Amino acid sequence: MAMQDQTSAVQPPARLHTMPVQPTARFTDWQAVCVIFGLWRRQGVRLVAGALLALAALACGLALMQVSGLRLAGCVLGEVVVTTALLRWVGVGRVTLRYAERLFAHDAMFRALADLRVWFFQSLAHGAAAGLGFRRAGDMLSRLVSDIGALDGLYLRIVVPLVCAGLTFPALLVIVGRQSLVLGVAVGVLFACSSFLVPWLIARSGQKAADQAAHLLAHLRISVLDLVGGLREIRAFGAEGRMLARVQAADAALLQGQMAVARRAAFANALAFLFGQSAVFMVLLAIGGILLPRIGALEGVSILFLTVAAFESAVTLTRAGLQAGIMGVSARRVVEMAVQPAAANTQVMHENAPADTSIRLNNVRFRWAEDRPWVLKGLTLDIPAGARVAILGPSGIGKSSLAALLLRAASPQEGHIYLGGEDIATIRPDAVRSKMAWLSQATHLFDDTIRANLLLGRPDASEDDLWKALDQAAVSDVVRALPEGLDTWVGEGGIRLSGGQGRRIALARTLLAPAPILILDEPATGLDAQTEQEFLRTLNTVSEGRTVILIAHRLTGVEKLDRIWRLSEGVAKAAAA
């Protein structure tokens, strides 16, 4: 279930929504990966140490294979080769270093991922979370689980193998080239193709498929969460078949995308195997003196073992080439979610919002993406400080888009929004939101106490503040009647409370924020007619002295309003109050 916090003064949080969100920032895959690496600087010493241990283990592994080949050939040919002590020390060293590398490198990666998750959540809490209330829960879940989880391979499956290949390549050139320059160059070229060229080509060609697979996975999660989250409504309207078909279609599309990725992986592995076998064949030709300068049998077998070991280590890079596209997409999706874009203009960013809380929208045009239709087409509104206004219209007309623009969860493509006469694009986002409290149509209560749920609105609130907010929301008597009062657990989503009680506690949480502007986005959704009217009467009382912007499909007749607008075709039209 998505998270909702109805207090935008903290940050408006996530809820399931049907429209896409405007990206917080645009990055290329490489730029996003650079951001991720920058976040891992704190673990830089551990990551470098892990790579060095991997290099040492690789060196021991290559030496072990070469010396083993030399000793085996010596035994067969009856030549004396003194390698017993060397084999013992190299073998023990490889096992020890390999274990230390796995232990140290994986520990460093776990720490780096922990830092990434902390940064991600901090970024959401301090700015980017303003847009979460307008995101789809399945897409958010996919970024949190799949995309961050995929980034553990960035270091372990790409960086470390690439560093190891960088050591193996010159080692092959030098060791093989000392016996035969032609053979050394040939084996080196084949190794470079297998370790560098093939992964690069696969990464480039598979980038689009990786991007599509990530979006298909997110779409599947969205479909499943829509099905589970709206199961009661779906059953009530007999839409089980349609929703199940939607999930099955998303699953089939994801499977098809994964099959395309798997075919690319099989092709890459086959190509890398072909290069490796070609290198082995060339070494055998050199031992036999066919087409290539002859090398000694003893040295030839040693080089053969070395070549086999080197190309086996290159296989991991071939797979990494395919994963690089997936990890690049994952890095971009994570960074775009958490990083706020730079201001669209070069005006000075004010530290604080002005004291005046009048709002003006001047010829605002907005759409969520370039390939989507315009939602607002030149919207102009004036909302004086302390006014109580309603903005009406059917679903999809742009009401929630307007809330997103006011909360700076999105920015208009054209036009300006002014707060107290100052363009909100020049005011820090957190300063804008400190002036606004947001009560959404999805009032989520966490599986915790009433006290903990209220403190989300203002963590430093005293107990007297909590009771005052509950009194204002007309729910204090209910809470006092509970056996544990403020320390009563409400259950997941407030399941232990009635819909009206849960909505009033969410209202109390909103009222704890001293914001002078109250944005009410379908605040009575899901309540029966009588409870809805009682709830709106409570709002009329507790919102006195604040600017109230009520976003709704319709009015019940109990609202106290100064002005009413109806949104139609992207513009606001005045209606009778």
Protein backbone atom coordinates (compact mmCIF):
# COMPACT_ATOMS: atom_id res chain seq x y z
CA MET A 1 0.00 0.00 0.00
CA ALA A 2 1.31 3.43 -0.81
CA MET A 3 2.06 5.88 1.98
CA GLN A 4 0.10 9.03 2.52
CA ASP A 5 0.84 11.91 4.84
CA GLN A 6 -1.71 14.62 4.59
CA THR A 7 0.58 17.40 5.81
CA SER A 8 2.40 19.06 3.00
CA ALA A 9 4.30 21.17 5.47
CA VAL A 10 6.27 18.00 6.17
CA GLN A 11 6.07 16.69 2.59
CA PRO A 12 3.06 15.40 0.64
CA PRO A 13 3.62 11.64 0.39
CA ALA A 14 2.72 8.85 -1.96
CA ARG A 15 -0.69 7.55 -2.83
CA LEU A 16 -2.04 5.46 -5.65
CA HIS A 17 -2.95 7.73 -8.50
CA THR A 18 -3.97 7.22 -12.06
CA MET A 19 -1.88 9.85 -13.74
CA PRO A 20 1.85 9.86 -14.37
CA VAL A 21 4.11 12.26 -12.58
CA GLN A 22 6.39 14.76 -14.15
CA PRO A 23 9.97 13.52 -13.66
CA THR A 24 11.92 15.35 -11.00
CA ALA A 25 15.01 15.57 -13.18
CA ARG A 26 16.38 14.27 -16.46
CA PHE A 27 19.60 12.23 -16.53
CA THR A 28 21.39 10.02 -19.00
CA ASP A 29 22.28 6.55 -17.75
CA TRP A 30 25.94 7.55 -17.45
CA GLN A 31 25.14 10.70 -15.49
CA ALA A 32 22.95 8.69 -13.12
CA VAL A 33 25.70 6.10 -12.60
CA CYS A 34 28.15 8.92 -11.81
CA VAL A 35 25.71 10.23 -9.19
CA ILE A 36 25.53 6.74 -7.65
CA PHE A 37 29.33 6.43 -7.56
CA GLY A 38 29.51 9.87 -5.96
CA LEU A 39 27.20 8.66 -3.20
CA TRP A 40 29.50 5.71 -2.57
CA ARG A 41 32.57 7.87 -1.87
CA ARG A 42 32.07 7.29 1.83
CA GLN A 43 32.81 3.62 1.25
CA GLY A 44 35.60 4.40 -1.22
CA VAL A 45 38.40 2.87 0.86
CA ARG A 46 36.49 -0.38 1.33
CA LEU A 47 35.50 -0.54 -2.33
CA VAL A 48 39.07 0.05 -3.50
CA ALA A 49 40.36 -2.53 -1.01
CA GLY A 50 37.82 -5.05 -2.32
CA ALA A 51 38.97 -4.42 -5.91
CA LEU A 52 42.63 -4.81 -4.90
CA LEU A 53 41.87 -8.11 -3.16
CA ALA A 54 40.06 -9.25 -6.31
CA LEU A 55 43.13 -8.35 -8.38
CA ALA A 56 45.43 -10.25 -6.00
CA ALA A 57 43.13 -13.29 -6.07
CA LEU A 58 43.03 -13.14 -9.87
CA ALA A 59 46.82 -12.91 -10.09
CA CYS A 60 47.15 -15.97 -7.86
CA GLY A 61 44.54 -17.79 -9.95
CA LEU A 62 46.34 -17.08 -13.23
CA ALA A 63 49.69 -18.04 -11.68
CA LEU A 64 48.17 -21.25 -10.32
CA MET A 65 46.85 -22.26 -13.73
CA GLN A 66 50.12 -21.42 -15.50
CA VAL A 67 52.29 -23.24 -12.97
CA SER A 68 49.89 -26.21 -12.94
CA GLY A 69 50.16 -26.47 -16.71
CA LEU A 70 53.93 -26.20 -16.51
CA ARG A 71 54.18 -28.98 -13.91
CA LEU A 72 51.73 -31.24 -15.77
CA ALA A 73 53.65 -30.81 -19.01
CA GLY A 74 56.91 -31.46 -17.19
CA CYS A 75 55.58 -34.73 -15.79
CA VAL A 76 54.36 -35.88 -19.20
CA LEU A 77 57.52 -34.88 -21.04
CA GLY A 78 59.84 -36.22 -18.35
CA GLU A 79 61.39 -32.83 -17.66
CA VAL A 80 62.23 -31.66 -14.18
CA VAL A 81 60.17 -28.62 -13.18
CA VAL A 82 60.53 -27.35 -9.61
CA THR A 83 57.06 -25.97 -8.86
CA THR A 84 55.87 -27.87 -5.79
CA ALA A 85 56.42 -25.10 -3.23
CA LEU A 86 55.19 -22.45 -5.65
CA LEU A 87 52.01 -24.42 -6.34
CA ARG A 88 51.36 -24.80 -2.63
CA TRP A 89 51.81 -21.11 -1.84
CA VAL A 90 49.94 -19.86 -4.89
CA GLY A 91 47.05 -22.27 -4.21
CA VAL A 92 46.76 -21.28 -0.57
CA GLY A 93 47.07 -17.61 -1.51
CA ARG A 94 44.32 -17.86 -4.12
CA VAL A 95 41.88 -19.51 -1.69
CA THR A 96 42.66 -17.03 1.08
CA LEU A 97 42.53 -13.96 -1.13
CA ARG A 98 39.39 -15.15 -2.86
CA TYR A 99 37.63 -15.58 0.48
CA ALA A 100 38.88 -12.20 1.73
CA GLU A 101 37.81 -10.51 -1.51
CA ARG A 102 34.31 -11.96 -1.32
CA LEU A 103 34.00 -11.04 2.34
CA PHE A 104 35.43 -7.52 2.01
CA ALA A 105 33.93 -6.58 -1.37
CA HIS A 106 30.44 -7.77 -0.47
CA ASP A 107 30.61 -6.03 2.90
CA ALA A 108 31.65 -2.80 1.15
CA MET A 109 28.79 -3.19 -1.33
CA PHE A 110 26.23 -3.77 1.42
CA ARG A 111 27.43 -0.61 3.16
CA ALA A 112 27.31 1.33 -0.11
CA LEU A 113 23.74 0.15 -0.79
CA ALA A 114 22.76 1.13 2.75
CA ASP A 115 24.15 4.62 2.09
CA LEU A 116 22.20 4.72 -1.18
CA ARG A 117 18.94 3.79 0.52
CA VAL A 118 19.48 6.35 3.27
CA TRP A 119 20.20 9.03 0.66
CA PHE A 120 17.16 7.99 -1.34
CA PHE A 121 14.78 8.26 1.59
CA GLN A 122 16.36 11.50 2.80
CA SER A 123 15.94 12.96 -0.67
CA LEU A 124 12.27 12.00 -0.69
CA ALA A 125 11.76 13.46 2.78
CA HIS A 126 13.47 16.76 1.98
CA GLY A 127 12.05 17.62 -1.39
CA ALA A 128 11.24 15.01 -3.97
CA ALA A 129 8.47 13.55 -1.80
CA ALA A 130 6.32 16.47 -2.79
CA GLY A 131 5.57 14.58 -5.98
CA LEU A 132 4.94 11.18 -4.46
CA GLY A 133 1.29 11.87 -3.89
CA PHE A 134 0.91 12.09 -7.66
CA ARG A 135 2.85 8.93 -8.51
CA ARG A 136 1.60 5.44 -9.05
CA ALA A 137 2.34 3.12 -6.13
CA GLY A 138 3.50 0.24 -8.35
CA ASP A 139 6.09 2.41 -10.08
CA MET A 140 7.35 3.66 -6.72
CA LEU A 141 7.59 0.07 -5.43
CA SER A 142 9.51 -1.00 -8.52
CA ARG A 143 12.08 1.76 -8.01
CA LEU A 144 12.44 1.01 -4.31
CA VAL A 145 12.78 -2.76 -4.69
CA SER A 146 13.95 -3.76 -8.16
CA ASP A 147 15.98 -0.74 -9.25
CA ILE A 148 17.95 -0.21 -6.02
CA GLY A 149 18.40 -3.98 -5.69
CA ALA A 150 19.85 -4.18 -9.21
CA LEU A 151 22.55 -1.64 -8.38
CA ASP A 152 24.47 -4.07 -6.18
CA GLY A 153 25.84 -5.54 -9.41
CA LEU A 154 27.27 -2.19 -10.48
CA TYR A 155 30.37 -2.79 -8.38
CA LEU A 156 30.44 -6.58 -7.99
CA ARG A 157 29.53 -7.56 -11.57
CA ILE A 158 30.89 -4.67 -13.61
CA VAL A 159 33.56 -2.62 -11.85
CA VAL A 160 35.47 -5.48 -10.21
CA PRO A 161 35.45 -7.77 -13.29
CA LEU A 162 36.43 -4.80 -15.48
CA VAL A 163 39.38 -4.00 -13.22
CA CYS A 164 40.41 -7.68 -13.27
CA ALA A 165 40.19 -7.75 -17.06
CA GLY A 166 42.38 -4.64 -17.14
CA LEU A 167 45.06 -6.64 -15.30
CA THR A 168 44.60 -9.85 -17.30
CA PHE A 169 44.92 -8.17 -20.71
CA PRO A 170 48.50 -6.82 -20.31
CA ALA A 171 49.50 -9.99 -18.42
CA LEU A 172 48.45 -12.11 -21.41
CA LEU A 173 50.26 -9.84 -23.85
CA VAL A 174 53.50 -9.95 -21.87
CA ILE A 175 53.51 -13.64 -20.88
CA VAL A 176 52.39 -15.02 -24.24
CA GLY A 177 54.30 -12.40 -26.22
CA ARG A 178 57.59 -13.47 -24.59
CA GLN A 179 57.19 -16.86 -26.26
CA SER A 180 55.68 -15.64 -29.53
CA LEU A 181 54.90 -12.03 -30.40
CA VAL A 182 52.39 -13.04 -33.09
CA LEU A 183 50.58 -15.42 -30.75
CA GLY A 184 50.62 -12.85 -27.95
CA VAL A 185 49.02 -10.21 -30.16
CA ALA A 186 46.43 -12.68 -31.50
CA VAL A 187 45.43 -13.96 -28.06
CA GLY A 188 45.39 -10.39 -26.72
CA VAL A 189 43.08 -9.18 -29.50
CA LEU A 190 40.72 -12.12 -28.94
CA PHE A 191 40.71 -11.44 -25.20
CA ALA A 192 40.01 -7.72 -25.78
CA CYS A 193 37.11 -8.61 -28.07
CA SER A 194 35.69 -11.04 -25.52
CA SER A 195 36.20 -8.82 -22.45
CA PHE A 196 35.66 -5.31 -23.80
CA LEU A 197 34.18 -5.20 -27.32
CA VAL A 198 31.38 -7.77 -26.91
CA PRO A 199 30.17 -6.39 -23.53
CA TRP A 200 30.21 -2.84 -24.93
CA LEU A 201 28.23 -3.82 -28.03
CA ILE A 202 25.73 -5.82 -25.97
CA ALA A 203 25.34 -2.97 -23.49
CA ARG A 204 24.64 -0.49 -26.30
CA SER A 205 22.27 -2.70 -28.23
CA GLY A 206 20.48 -3.91 -25.11
CA GLN A 207 19.90 -0.51 -23.53
CA LYS A 208 16.48 -0.05 -25.11
CA ALA A 209 15.43 -3.59 -24.15
CA ALA A 210 16.60 -3.00 -20.57
CA ASP A 211 14.68 0.27 -20.38
CA GLN A 212 11.56 -1.44 -21.72
CA ALA A 213 11.94 -4.35 -19.26
CA ALA A 214 12.16 -1.95 -16.31
CA HIS A 215 9.01 -0.14 -17.38
CA LEU A 216 7.20 -3.41 -18.05
CA LEU A 217 8.05 -4.63 -14.55
CA ALA A 218 6.77 -1.35 -13.09
CA HIS A 219 3.60 -1.67 -15.18
CA LEU A 220 3.02 -5.20 -13.88
CA ARG A 221 3.42 -4.03 -10.28
CA ILE A 222 1.03 -1.14 -10.94
CA SER A 223 -1.57 -3.53 -12.37
CA VAL A 224 -1.24 -5.97 -9.46
CA LEU A 225 -1.46 -3.22 -6.83
CA ASP A 226 -4.47 -1.69 -8.58
CA LEU A 227 -6.12 -5.12 -8.52
CA VAL A 228 -5.34 -5.80 -4.86
CA GLY A 229 -5.91 -2.27 -3.58
CA GLY A 230 -9.25 -1.83 -5.33
CA LEU A 231 -10.53 -5.36 -4.91
CA ARG A 232 -13.74 -4.36 -3.12
CA GLU A 233 -14.71 -1.83 -5.78
CA ILE A 234 -13.68 -4.21 -8.56
CA ARG A 235 -15.92 -6.96 -7.16
CA ALA A 236 -18.76 -4.51 -6.61
CA PHE A 237 -18.73 -3.50 -10.28
CA GLY A 238 -18.04 -7.01 -11.59
CA ALA A 239 -14.73 -5.95 -13.15
CA GLU A 240 -12.64 -8.91 -11.95
CA GLY A 241 -12.27 -10.32 -15.45
CA ARG A 242 -11.10 -7.03 -16.98
CA MET A 243 -8.60 -6.33 -14.20
CA LEU A 244 -7.27 -9.90 -14.28
CA ALA A 245 -6.88 -9.67 -18.05
CA ARG A 246 -4.93 -6.44 -17.55
CA VAL A 247 -2.56 -8.17 -15.12
CA GLN A 248 -2.13 -11.14 -17.43
CA ALA A 249 -1.39 -8.85 -20.38
CA ALA A 250 1.24 -7.00 -18.32
CA ASP A 251 2.76 -10.32 -17.23
CA ALA A 252 2.88 -11.57 -20.82
CA ALA A 253 4.53 -8.36 -22.00
CA LEU A 254 7.14 -8.61 -19.25
CA LEU A 255 7.83 -12.26 -20.10
CA GLN A 256 8.26 -11.35 -23.75
CA GLY A 257 10.68 -8.57 -22.80
CA GLN A 258 12.66 -10.89 -20.53
CA MET A 259 12.87 -13.48 -23.31
CA ALA A 260 14.34 -10.84 -25.61
CA VAL A 261 16.95 -10.02 -22.96
CA ALA A 262 17.69 -13.73 -22.47
CA ARG A 263 18.24 -14.20 -26.22
CA ARG A 264 20.74 -11.35 -26.21
CA ALA A 265 22.51 -12.94 -23.24
CA ALA A 266 22.71 -16.30 -25.04
CA PHE A 267 24.13 -14.62 -28.14
CA ALA A 268 26.71 -12.71 -26.09
CA ASN A 269 27.80 -15.85 -24.24
CA ALA A 270 28.09 -17.77 -27.50
CA LEU A 271 30.22 -15.01 -29.03
CA ALA A 272 32.51 -14.86 -25.98
CA PHE A 273 32.83 -18.67 -26.01
CA LEU A 274 33.78 -18.54 -29.68
CA PHE A 275 36.55 -16.01 -28.99
CA GLY A 276 37.86 -18.13 -26.10
CA GLN A 277 37.91 -21.32 -28.12
CA SER A 278 39.62 -19.49 -30.98
CA ALA A 279 42.37 -18.40 -28.60
CA VAL A 280 42.82 -21.96 -27.31
CA PHE A 281 42.94 -23.25 -30.90
CA MET A 282 45.62 -20.71 -31.83
CA VAL A 283 47.75 -21.77 -28.86
CA LEU A 284 47.43 -25.41 -29.97
CA LEU A 285 48.44 -24.40 -33.50
CA ALA A 286 51.50 -22.61 -32.10
CA ILE A 287 52.49 -25.69 -30.08
CA GLY A 288 52.29 -27.77 -33.27
CA GLY A 289 54.00 -25.09 -35.34
CA ILE A 290 51.08 -24.85 -37.75
CA LEU A 291 50.47 -21.42 -39.37
CA LEU A 292 52.15 -19.78 -36.36
CA PRO A 293 55.73 -19.72 -35.05
CA ARG A 294 56.40 -22.87 -33.01
CA ILE A 295 56.68 -22.60 -29.25
CA GLY A 296 58.05 -25.21 -26.89
CA ALA A 297 55.67 -27.88 -25.64
CA LEU A 298 56.43 -27.13 -22.02
CA GLU A 299 55.84 -23.41 -22.38
CA GLY A 300 52.91 -24.03 -24.74
CA VAL A 301 50.95 -26.11 -22.21
CA SER A 302 51.62 -23.47 -19.57
CA ILE A 303 50.26 -20.77 -21.89
CA LEU A 304 47.29 -22.98 -22.78
CA PHE A 305 46.28 -23.28 -19.12
CA LEU A 306 46.78 -19.54 -18.65
CA THR A 307 44.62 -18.75 -21.69
CA VAL A 308 41.80 -20.99 -20.53
CA ALA A 309 41.80 -19.34 -17.09
CA ALA A 310 41.91 -15.82 -18.56
CA PHE A 311 38.97 -16.35 -20.89
CA GLU A 312 36.91 -18.00 -18.16
CA SER A 313 37.23 -14.79 -16.13
CA ALA A 314 36.13 -12.82 -19.22
CA VAL A 315 32.77 -14.60 -19.29
CA THR A 316 31.59 -12.55 -16.29
CA LEU A 317 32.20 -9.36 -18.26
CA THR A 318 30.14 -10.64 -21.16
CA ARG A 319 27.19 -11.11 -18.84
CA ALA A 320 27.98 -7.75 -17.27
CA GLY A 321 27.60 -6.07 -20.64
CA LEU A 322 23.97 -7.10 -20.76
CA GLN A 323 23.47 -6.16 -17.11
CA ALA A 324 25.08 -2.77 -17.69
CA GLY A 325 22.04 -1.61 -19.63
CA ILE A 326 19.71 -2.79 -16.86
CA MET A 327 21.85 -1.16 -14.16
CA GLY A 328 22.09 2.09 -16.11
CA VAL A 329 18.31 2.25 -16.40
CA SER A 330 17.93 1.37 -12.71
CA ALA A 331 20.39 4.09 -11.71
CA ARG A 332 18.53 6.65 -13.81
CA ARG A 333 15.14 5.69 -12.38
CA VAL A 334 16.45 5.93 -8.81
CA VAL A 335 18.26 9.23 -9.33
CA GLU A 336 15.39 10.84 -11.25
CA MET A 337 13.05 9.99 -8.39
CA ALA A 338 15.25 11.49 -5.69
CA VAL A 339 17.08 14.41 -7.31
CA GLN A 340 15.22 17.66 -7.78
CA PRO A 341 15.87 19.56 -11.01
CA ALA A 342 17.61 22.88 -10.98
CA ALA A 343 15.40 25.93 -11.15
CA ALA A 344 14.15 26.59 -14.63
CA ASN A 345 15.23 30.22 -14.44
CA THR A 346 18.20 32.10 -13.14
CA GLN A 347 16.33 34.25 -10.61
CA VAL A 348 17.58 34.38 -7.03
CA MET A 349 16.15 31.59 -4.85
CA HIS A 350 14.61 33.22 -1.77
CA GLU A 351 15.25 31.59 1.59
CA ASN A 352 11.68 32.06 2.83
CA ALA A 353 8.23 32.45 1.36
CA PRO A 354 6.61 35.88 1.69
CA ALA A 355 4.25 36.62 4.57
CA ASP A 356 1.45 37.41 2.13
CA THR A 357 -0.36 34.19 1.17
CA SER A 358 -2.42 35.41 -1.78
CA ILE A 359 -2.17 33.12 -4.80
CA ARG A 360 -2.31 34.03 -8.47
CA LEU A 361 -2.05 31.74 -11.49
CA ASN A 362 -1.31 33.63 -14.68
CA ASN A 363 -1.92 31.86 -18.02
CA VAL A 364 -0.62 28.51 -16.74
CA ARG A 365 -0.23 25.74 -19.30
CA PHE A 366 0.71 22.28 -18.08
CA ARG A 367 0.93 18.65 -19.17
CA TRP A 368 2.60 15.71 -17.46
CA ALA A 369 4.74 14.66 -20.41
CA GLU A 370 5.55 15.87 -23.90
CA ASP A 371 3.64 13.01 -25.49
CA ARG A 372 0.51 13.62 -23.41
CA PRO A 373 -2.30 16.14 -23.97
CA TRP A 374 -2.42 19.49 -22.23
CA VAL A 375 -4.21 19.36 -18.88
CA LEU A 376 -4.28 23.11 -18.26
CA LYS A 377 -4.45 25.47 -21.22
CA GLY A 378 -3.96 29.01 -19.97
CA LEU A 379 -5.43 28.77 -16.47
CA THR A 380 -5.75 32.11 -14.68
CA LEU A 381 -6.97 32.36 -11.08
CA ASP A 382 -6.82 34.86 -8.21
CA ILE A 383 -7.17 33.53 -4.66
CA PRO A 384 -6.87 36.27 -2.03
CA ALA A 385 -5.35 35.47 1.36
CA GLY A 386 -7.99 33.99 3.68
CA ALA A 387 -10.44 33.25 0.84
CA ARG A 388 -12.42 30.04 0.69
CA VAL A 389 -12.75 28.77 -2.86
CA ALA A 390 -13.87 25.59 -4.58
CA ILE A 391 -12.53 24.15 -7.83
CA LEU A 392 -14.94 21.66 -9.34
CA GLY A 393 -14.80 19.27 -12.27
CA PRO A 394 -14.92 15.60 -13.27
CA SER A 395 -11.98 13.22 -12.91
CA GLY A 396 -9.07 13.89 -15.24
CA ILE A 397 -9.96 17.53 -15.85
CA GLY A 398 -6.85 18.85 -14.05
CA LYS A 399 -7.92 19.46 -10.44
CA SER A 400 -5.19 17.34 -8.85
CA SER A 401 -2.71 18.68 -11.40
CA LEU A 402 -3.45 22.13 -10.01
CA ALA A 403 -2.71 20.86 -6.48
CA ALA A 404 0.58 19.41 -7.72
CA LEU A 405 1.54 22.76 -9.25
CA LEU A 406 0.73 24.69 -6.07
CA LEU A 407 2.78 22.25 -3.98
CA ARG A 408 5.67 22.45 -6.50
CA ALA A 409 5.39 18.73 -7.16
CA ALA A 410 5.38 19.77 -10.81
CA SER A 411 6.17 22.92 -12.78
CA PRO A 412 4.13 24.55 -15.54
CA GLN A 413 5.51 24.54 -19.07
CA GLU A 414 4.20 28.07 -19.58
CA GLY A 415 2.85 30.81 -17.33
CA HIS A 416 3.59 31.66 -13.71
CA ILE A 417 2.26 30.92 -10.23
CA TYR A 418 2.67 33.68 -7.65
CA LEU A 419 2.59 33.43 -3.86
CA GLY A 420 2.33 36.82 -2.22
CA GLY A 421 3.35 38.44 -5.50
CA GLU A 422 6.52 36.34 -5.87
CA ASP A 423 6.93 33.61 -8.47
CA ILE A 424 7.03 30.31 -6.57
CA ALA A 425 9.72 29.12 -9.00
CA THR A 426 12.06 31.55 -7.20
CA ILE A 427 11.15 30.32 -3.71
CA ARG A 428 12.66 27.23 -2.13
CA PRO A 429 10.22 24.30 -2.45
CA ASP A 430 10.22 23.53 1.28
CA ALA A 431 9.49 27.20 2.00
CA VAL A 432 6.51 27.09 -0.38
CA ARG A 433 5.17 23.92 1.22
CA SER A 434 5.59 25.34 4.74
CA LYS A 435 2.76 27.68 3.78
CA MET A 436 0.48 24.86 2.61
CA ALA A 437 -1.18 21.90 4.32
CA TRP A 438 -2.56 19.21 2.05
CA LEU A 439 -5.41 16.86 2.89
CA SER A 440 -5.69 14.24 0.17
CA GLN A 441 -8.53 11.96 -0.78
CA ALA A 442 -6.50 8.93 0.38
CA THR A 443 -5.96 9.49 4.12
CA HIS A 444 -3.54 6.75 5.08
CA LEU A 445 -2.99 5.88 8.73
CA PHE A 446 0.03 3.75 9.56
CA ASP A 447 -0.07 0.59 11.66
CA ASP A 448 0.97 2.50 14.77
CA THR A 449 -0.54 4.51 17.60
CA ILE A 450 -2.76 7.54 17.15
CA ARG A 451 0.01 9.60 18.74
CA ALA A 452 2.63 8.41 16.24
CA ASN A 453 0.30 9.09 13.32
CA LEU A 454 -0.40 12.61 14.55
CA LEU A 455 3.26 13.40 15.17
CA LEU A 456 3.95 12.89 11.47
CA GLY A 457 2.28 16.27 11.01
CA ARG A 458 4.55 18.00 13.53
CA PRO A 459 7.17 15.88 15.31
CA ASP A 460 7.75 18.48 18.06
CA ALA A 461 4.06 18.82 19.00
CA SER A 462 3.24 18.54 22.69
CA GLU A 463 0.43 16.41 24.07
CA ASP A 464 -1.68 19.54 24.55
CA ASP A 465 -1.13 20.34 20.84
CA LEU A 466 -2.30 16.85 19.90
CA TRP A 467 -5.48 17.10 21.95
CA LYS A 468 -6.18 20.59 20.60
CA ALA A 469 -5.92 19.29 17.02
CA LEU A 470 -8.19 16.36 17.89
CA ASP A 471 -10.69 18.76 19.46
CA GLN A 472 -10.66 20.91 16.31
CA ALA A 473 -11.24 17.81 14.17
CA ALA A 474 -14.17 16.80 16.46
CA VAL A 475 -12.69 13.41 17.24
CA SER A 476 -11.15 13.95 20.70
CA ASP A 477 -14.13 12.36 22.49
CA VAL A 478 -13.67 9.19 20.44
CA VAL A 479 -9.96 9.03 21.28
CA ARG A 480 -10.55 9.70 25.00
CA ALA A 481 -13.07 6.84 25.08
CA LEU A 482 -10.48 4.37 23.78
CA PRO A 483 -8.78 2.21 26.46
CA GLU A 484 -5.29 3.53 25.68
CA GLY A 485 -6.20 6.98 24.39
CA LEU A 486 -3.47 8.45 22.21
CA ASP A 487 -1.46 5.23 22.52
CA THR A 488 -4.18 3.13 20.86
CA TRP A 489 -3.00 1.24 17.80
CA VAL A 490 -5.10 2.00 14.74
CA GLY A 491 -4.09 -0.97 12.57
CA GLU A 492 -2.85 -0.89 8.97
CA GLY A 493 -4.67 1.87 7.11
CA GLY A 494 -6.64 2.71 10.29
CA ILE A 495 -8.65 -0.48 9.99
CA ARG A 496 -9.65 -0.40 13.69
CA LEU A 497 -11.40 2.94 13.16
CA SER A 498 -14.44 3.83 11.10
CA GLY A 499 -13.93 5.75 7.86
CA GLY A 500 -15.15 8.99 9.38
CA GLN A 501 -12.95 8.61 12.49
CA GLY A 502 -9.88 7.85 10.40
CA ARG A 503 -10.54 10.86 8.18
CA ARG A 504 -10.88 13.14 11.22
CA ILE A 505 -7.61 11.90 12.72
CA ALA A 506 -5.96 12.61 9.36
CA LEU A 507 -7.52 16.08 9.49
CA ALA A 508 -6.10 16.59 13.00
CA ARG A 509 -2.69 15.61 11.65
CA THR A 510 -3.05 18.25 8.96
CA LEU A 511 -4.21 20.90 11.41
CA LEU A 512 -1.09 20.40 13.52
CA ALA A 513 0.86 22.15 10.76
CA PRO A 514 0.61 25.94 11.17
CA ALA A 515 0.24 26.40 7.42
CA PRO A 516 -2.01 29.34 6.42
CA ILE A 517 -3.17 27.64 3.18
CA LEU A 518 -5.24 24.46 3.28
CA ILE A 519 -5.56 22.41 0.08
CA LEU A 520 -8.38 19.85 0.30
CA ASP A 521 -8.23 17.30 -2.51
CA GLU A 522 -11.53 15.37 -2.41
CA PRO A 523 -11.28 15.21 1.41
CA ALA A 524 -14.60 13.38 1.93
CA THR A 525 -14.06 10.59 -0.61
CA GLY A 526 -15.43 7.25 0.59
CA LEU A 527 -17.70 8.67 3.30
CA ASP A 528 -21.46 8.23 3.32
CA ALA A 529 -23.61 11.32 2.73
CA GLN A 530 -24.29 12.11 6.39
CA THR A 531 -20.70 11.55 7.52
CA GLU A 532 -19.48 13.62 4.57
CA GLN A 533 -21.66 16.59 5.54
CA GLU A 534 -20.58 16.35 9.20
CA PHE A 535 -16.95 16.20 8.14
CA LEU A 536 -17.28 19.25 5.87
CA ARG A 537 -19.06 21.20 8.64
CA THR A 538 -16.06 20.44 10.85
CA LEU A 539 -13.77 21.74 8.10
CA ASN A 540 -15.80 24.95 7.90
CA THR A 541 -15.13 25.56 11.59
CA VAL A 542 -11.46 24.59 11.93
CA SER A 543 -10.30 26.27 8.72
CA GLU A 544 -11.42 29.78 9.69
CA GLY A 545 -8.68 32.33 9.10
CA ARG A 546 -6.92 30.13 6.55
CA THR A 547 -7.02 30.17 2.79
CA VAL A 548 -9.06 27.10 1.78
CA ILE A 549 -8.85 25.56 -1.68
CA LEU A 550 -11.44 22.80 -1.96
CA ILE A 551 -10.97 20.45 -4.91
CA ALA A 552 -14.06 18.30 -5.53
CA HIS A 553 -16.34 16.71 -8.09
CA ARG A 554 -19.41 18.33 -6.56
CA LEU A 555 -20.62 20.35 -3.59
CA THR A 556 -22.89 19.07 -0.81
CA GLY A 557 -24.40 22.42 0.12
CA VAL A 558 -22.82 22.74 3.58
CA GLU A 559 -19.55 24.32 2.42
CA LYS A 560 -18.85 27.97 3.26
CA LEU A 561 -17.29 29.40 0.12
CA ASP A 562 -16.42 32.81 -1.28
CA ARG A 563 -15.86 31.73 -4.86
CA ILE A 564 -16.47 28.68 -7.06
CA TRP A 565 -14.74 27.79 -10.32
CA ARG A 566 -15.36 24.93 -12.70
CA LEU A 567 -12.48 23.53 -14.70
CA SER A 568 -13.37 22.90 -18.31
CA GLU A 569 -11.06 22.38 -21.29
CA GLY A 570 -8.05 23.44 -19.27
CA VAL A 571 -9.40 26.80 -18.09
CA ALA A 572 -11.43 27.97 -15.06
CA LYS A 573 -14.95 29.29 -15.46
CA ALA A 574 -16.71 31.14 -12.65
CA ALA A 575 -19.78 29.48 -11.14
CA ALA A 576 -22.42 30.79 -8.76
CA ALA A 577 -21.42 30.61 -5.10
